[in-house]
Amino acid sequence: MAIWRIDKCKNEAGYRSHASIYGLIRVGLWTQPVKIGERSSGWPSEEVQAINAARIAGASDEQIRELVKALHAKRAEKLAVLMAA
């Protein structure tokens, strides 16, 4: 798994602006960014790919919102496992 910066995410998803990604985040159609530094953030590549695959498969906005919720839950599970180790 890699963490992709916003330019890579835009290219992978076909968006032209940062505002496109942040607009999707606001309406629950894209996952929240992960902080990777004091002034930088990115997205796990597997999350971007999952959202893109859902769009390609013809998922509705509501289905993608559910996917985004599941991806966030998966992040929380991974953190819990790491903290328990």
C-alpha atoms as a PDB file:
ATOM      1  CA  MET A   1       0.000   0.000   0.000  1.00  0.00           C
ATOM      2  CA  ALA A   2       1.191   3.488  -0.820  1.00  0.00           C
ATOM      3  CA  ILE A   3       0.019   6.929   0.251  1.00  0.00           C
ATOM      4  CA  TRP A   4      -0.795   9.054  -2.765  1.00  0.00           C
ATOM      5  CA  ARG A   5      -0.661  12.841  -2.707  1.00  0.00           C
ATOM      6  CA  ILE A   6      -3.551  14.795  -4.189  1.00  0.00           C
ATOM      7  CA  ASP A   7      -2.056  15.175  -7.682  1.00  0.00           C
ATOM      8  CA  LYS A   8      -1.764  11.391  -8.056  1.00  0.00           C
ATOM      9  CA  CYS A   9      -5.327  10.960  -6.750  1.00  0.00           C
ATOM     10  CA  LYS A  10      -6.650  13.531  -9.227  1.00  0.00           C
ATOM     11  CA  ASN A  11      -4.866  11.802 -12.099  1.00  0.00           C
ATOM     12  CA  GLU A  12      -6.082   8.350 -11.091  1.00  0.00           C
ATOM     13  CA  ALA A  13      -9.690   9.511 -10.717  1.00  0.00           C
ATOM     14  CA  GLY A  14      -9.741  11.914 -13.672  1.00  0.00           C
ATOM     15  CA  TYR A  15     -10.369  15.105 -11.731  1.00  0.00           C
ATOM     16  CA  ARG A  16      -8.767  18.395 -12.728  1.00  0.00           C
ATOM     17  CA  SER A  17      -8.712  20.347  -9.482  1.00  0.00           C
ATOM     18  CA  HIS A  18      -7.993  19.960  -5.797  1.00  0.00           C
ATOM     19  CA  ALA A  19     -11.452  21.406  -5.163  1.00  0.00           C
ATOM     20  CA  SER A  20     -13.002  18.395  -6.884  1.00  0.00           C
ATOM     21  CA  ILE A  21     -11.484  16.006  -4.351  1.00  0.00           C
ATOM     22  CA  TYR A  22     -12.257  18.210  -1.350  1.00  0.00           C
ATOM     23  CA  GLY A  23     -15.818  18.697  -2.590  1.00  0.00           C
ATOM     24  CA  LEU A  24     -16.261  14.924  -2.714  1.00  0.00           C
ATOM     25  CA  ILE A  25     -14.917  14.643   0.836  1.00  0.00           C
ATOM     26  CA  ARG A  26     -17.495  17.201   2.033  1.00  0.00           C
ATOM     27  CA  VAL A  27     -20.379  15.150   0.638  1.00  0.00           C
ATOM     28  CA  GLY A  28     -18.999  11.790   1.791  1.00  0.00           C
ATOM     29  CA  LEU A  29     -17.938  10.471  -1.618  1.00  0.00           C
ATOM     30  CA  TRP A  30     -14.181  10.361  -0.906  1.00  0.00           C
ATOM     31  CA  THR A  31     -12.204   9.355   2.169  1.00  0.00           C
ATOM     32  CA  GLN A  32     -10.573  11.833   4.518  1.00  0.00           C
ATOM     33  CA  PRO A  33      -6.862  12.462   3.908  1.00  0.00           C
ATOM     34  CA  VAL A  34      -4.170  10.938   6.099  1.00  0.00           C
ATOM     35  CA  LYS A  35      -1.611  13.305   7.630  1.00  0.00           C
ATOM     36  CA  ILE A  36       1.888  12.341   6.484  1.00  0.00           C
ATOM     37  CA  GLY A  37       3.688  15.406   7.749  1.00  0.00           C
ATOM     38  CA  GLU A  38       3.126  18.750   9.378  1.00  0.00           C
ATOM     39  CA  ARG A  39       1.914  20.329   6.143  1.00  0.00           C
ATOM     40  CA  SER A  40       1.180  17.348   3.936  1.00  0.00           C
ATOM     41  CA  SER A  41      -1.442  14.681   3.546  1.00  0.00           C
ATOM     42  CA  GLY A  42      -2.424  11.948   1.163  1.00  0.00           C
ATOM     43  CA  TRP A  43      -4.718   8.978   0.644  1.00  0.00           C
ATOM     44  CA  PRO A  44      -4.043   5.255   0.862  1.00  0.00           C
ATOM     45  CA  SER A  45      -3.787   3.966  -2.702  1.00  0.00           C
ATOM     46  CA  GLU A  46      -6.131   1.064  -1.970  1.00  0.00           C
ATOM     47  CA  GLU A  47      -8.883   3.486  -0.930  1.00  0.00           C
ATOM     48  CA  VAL A  48      -8.545   5.566  -4.094  1.00  0.00           C
ATOM     49  CA  GLN A  49      -8.594   2.403  -6.196  1.00  0.00           C
ATOM     50  CA  ALA A  50     -11.666   1.055  -4.376  1.00  0.00           C
ATOM     51  CA  ILE A  51     -13.599   4.282  -4.928  1.00  0.00           C
ATOM     52  CA  ASN A  52     -12.591   4.367  -8.594  1.00  0.00           C
ATOM     53  CA  ALA A  53     -13.590   0.711  -9.063  1.00  0.00           C
ATOM     54  CA  ALA A  54     -16.996   1.421  -7.531  1.00  0.00           C
ATOM     55  CA  ARG A  55     -17.520   4.383  -9.876  1.00  0.00           C
ATOM     56  CA  ILE A  56     -16.484   2.293 -12.887  1.00  0.00           C
ATOM     57  CA  ALA A  57     -18.874  -0.475 -11.793  1.00  0.00           C
ATOM     58  CA  GLY A  58     -21.714   2.056 -11.784  1.00  0.00           C
ATOM     59  CA  ALA A  59     -22.221   2.396  -8.033  1.00  0.00           C
ATOM     60  CA  SER A  60     -24.654   5.069  -6.944  1.00  0.00           C
ATOM     61  CA  ASP A  61     -23.578   7.973  -4.752  1.00  0.00           C
ATOM     62  CA  GLU A  62     -25.259   6.289  -1.773  1.00  0.00           C
ATOM     63  CA  GLN A  63     -23.323   3.061  -2.421  1.00  0.00           C
ATOM     64  CA  ILE A  64     -20.091   5.022  -2.612  1.00  0.00           C
ATOM     65  CA  ARG A  65     -20.927   6.794   0.662  1.00  0.00           C
ATOM     66  CA  GLU A  66     -21.321   3.367   2.276  1.00  0.00           C
ATOM     67  CA  LEU A  67     -18.004   2.282   0.764  1.00  0.00           C
ATOM     68  CA  VAL A  68     -16.303   5.390   2.165  1.00  0.00           C
ATOM     69  CA  LYS A  69     -17.745   4.624   5.620  1.00  0.00           C
ATOM     70  CA  ALA A  70     -16.446   1.054   5.337  1.00  0.00           C
ATOM     71  CA  LEU A  71     -12.998   2.275   4.299  1.00  0.00           C
ATOM     72  CA  HIS A  72     -12.870   4.607   7.307  1.00  0.00           C
ATOM     73  CA  ALA A  73     -13.947   1.722   9.574  1.00  0.00           C
ATOM     74  CA  LYS A  74     -11.175  -0.425   8.092  1.00  0.00           C
ATOM     75  CA  ARG A  75      -8.656   2.300   8.982  1.00  0.00           C
ATOM     76  CA  ALA A  76      -9.904   2.281  12.571  1.00  0.00           C
ATOM     77  CA  GLU A  77      -9.616  -1.518  12.738  1.00  0.00           C
ATOM     78  CA  LYS A  78      -6.038  -1.396  11.462  1.00  0.00           C
ATOM     79  CA  LEU A  79      -5.164   1.212  14.083  1.00  0.00           C
ATOM     80  CA  ALA A  80      -6.717  -0.899  16.846  1.00  0.00           C
ATOM     81  CA  VAL A  81      -4.647  -3.914  15.779  1.00  0.00           C
ATOM     82  CA  LEU A  82      -1.458  -1.847  15.685  1.00  0.00           C
ATOM     83  CA  MET A  83      -2.126  -0.330  19.094  1.00  0.00           C
ATOM     84  CA  ALA A  84      -2.839  -3.752  20.627  1.00  0.00           C
ATOM     85  CA  ALA A  85       0.454  -5.192  19.402  1.00  0.00           C
END
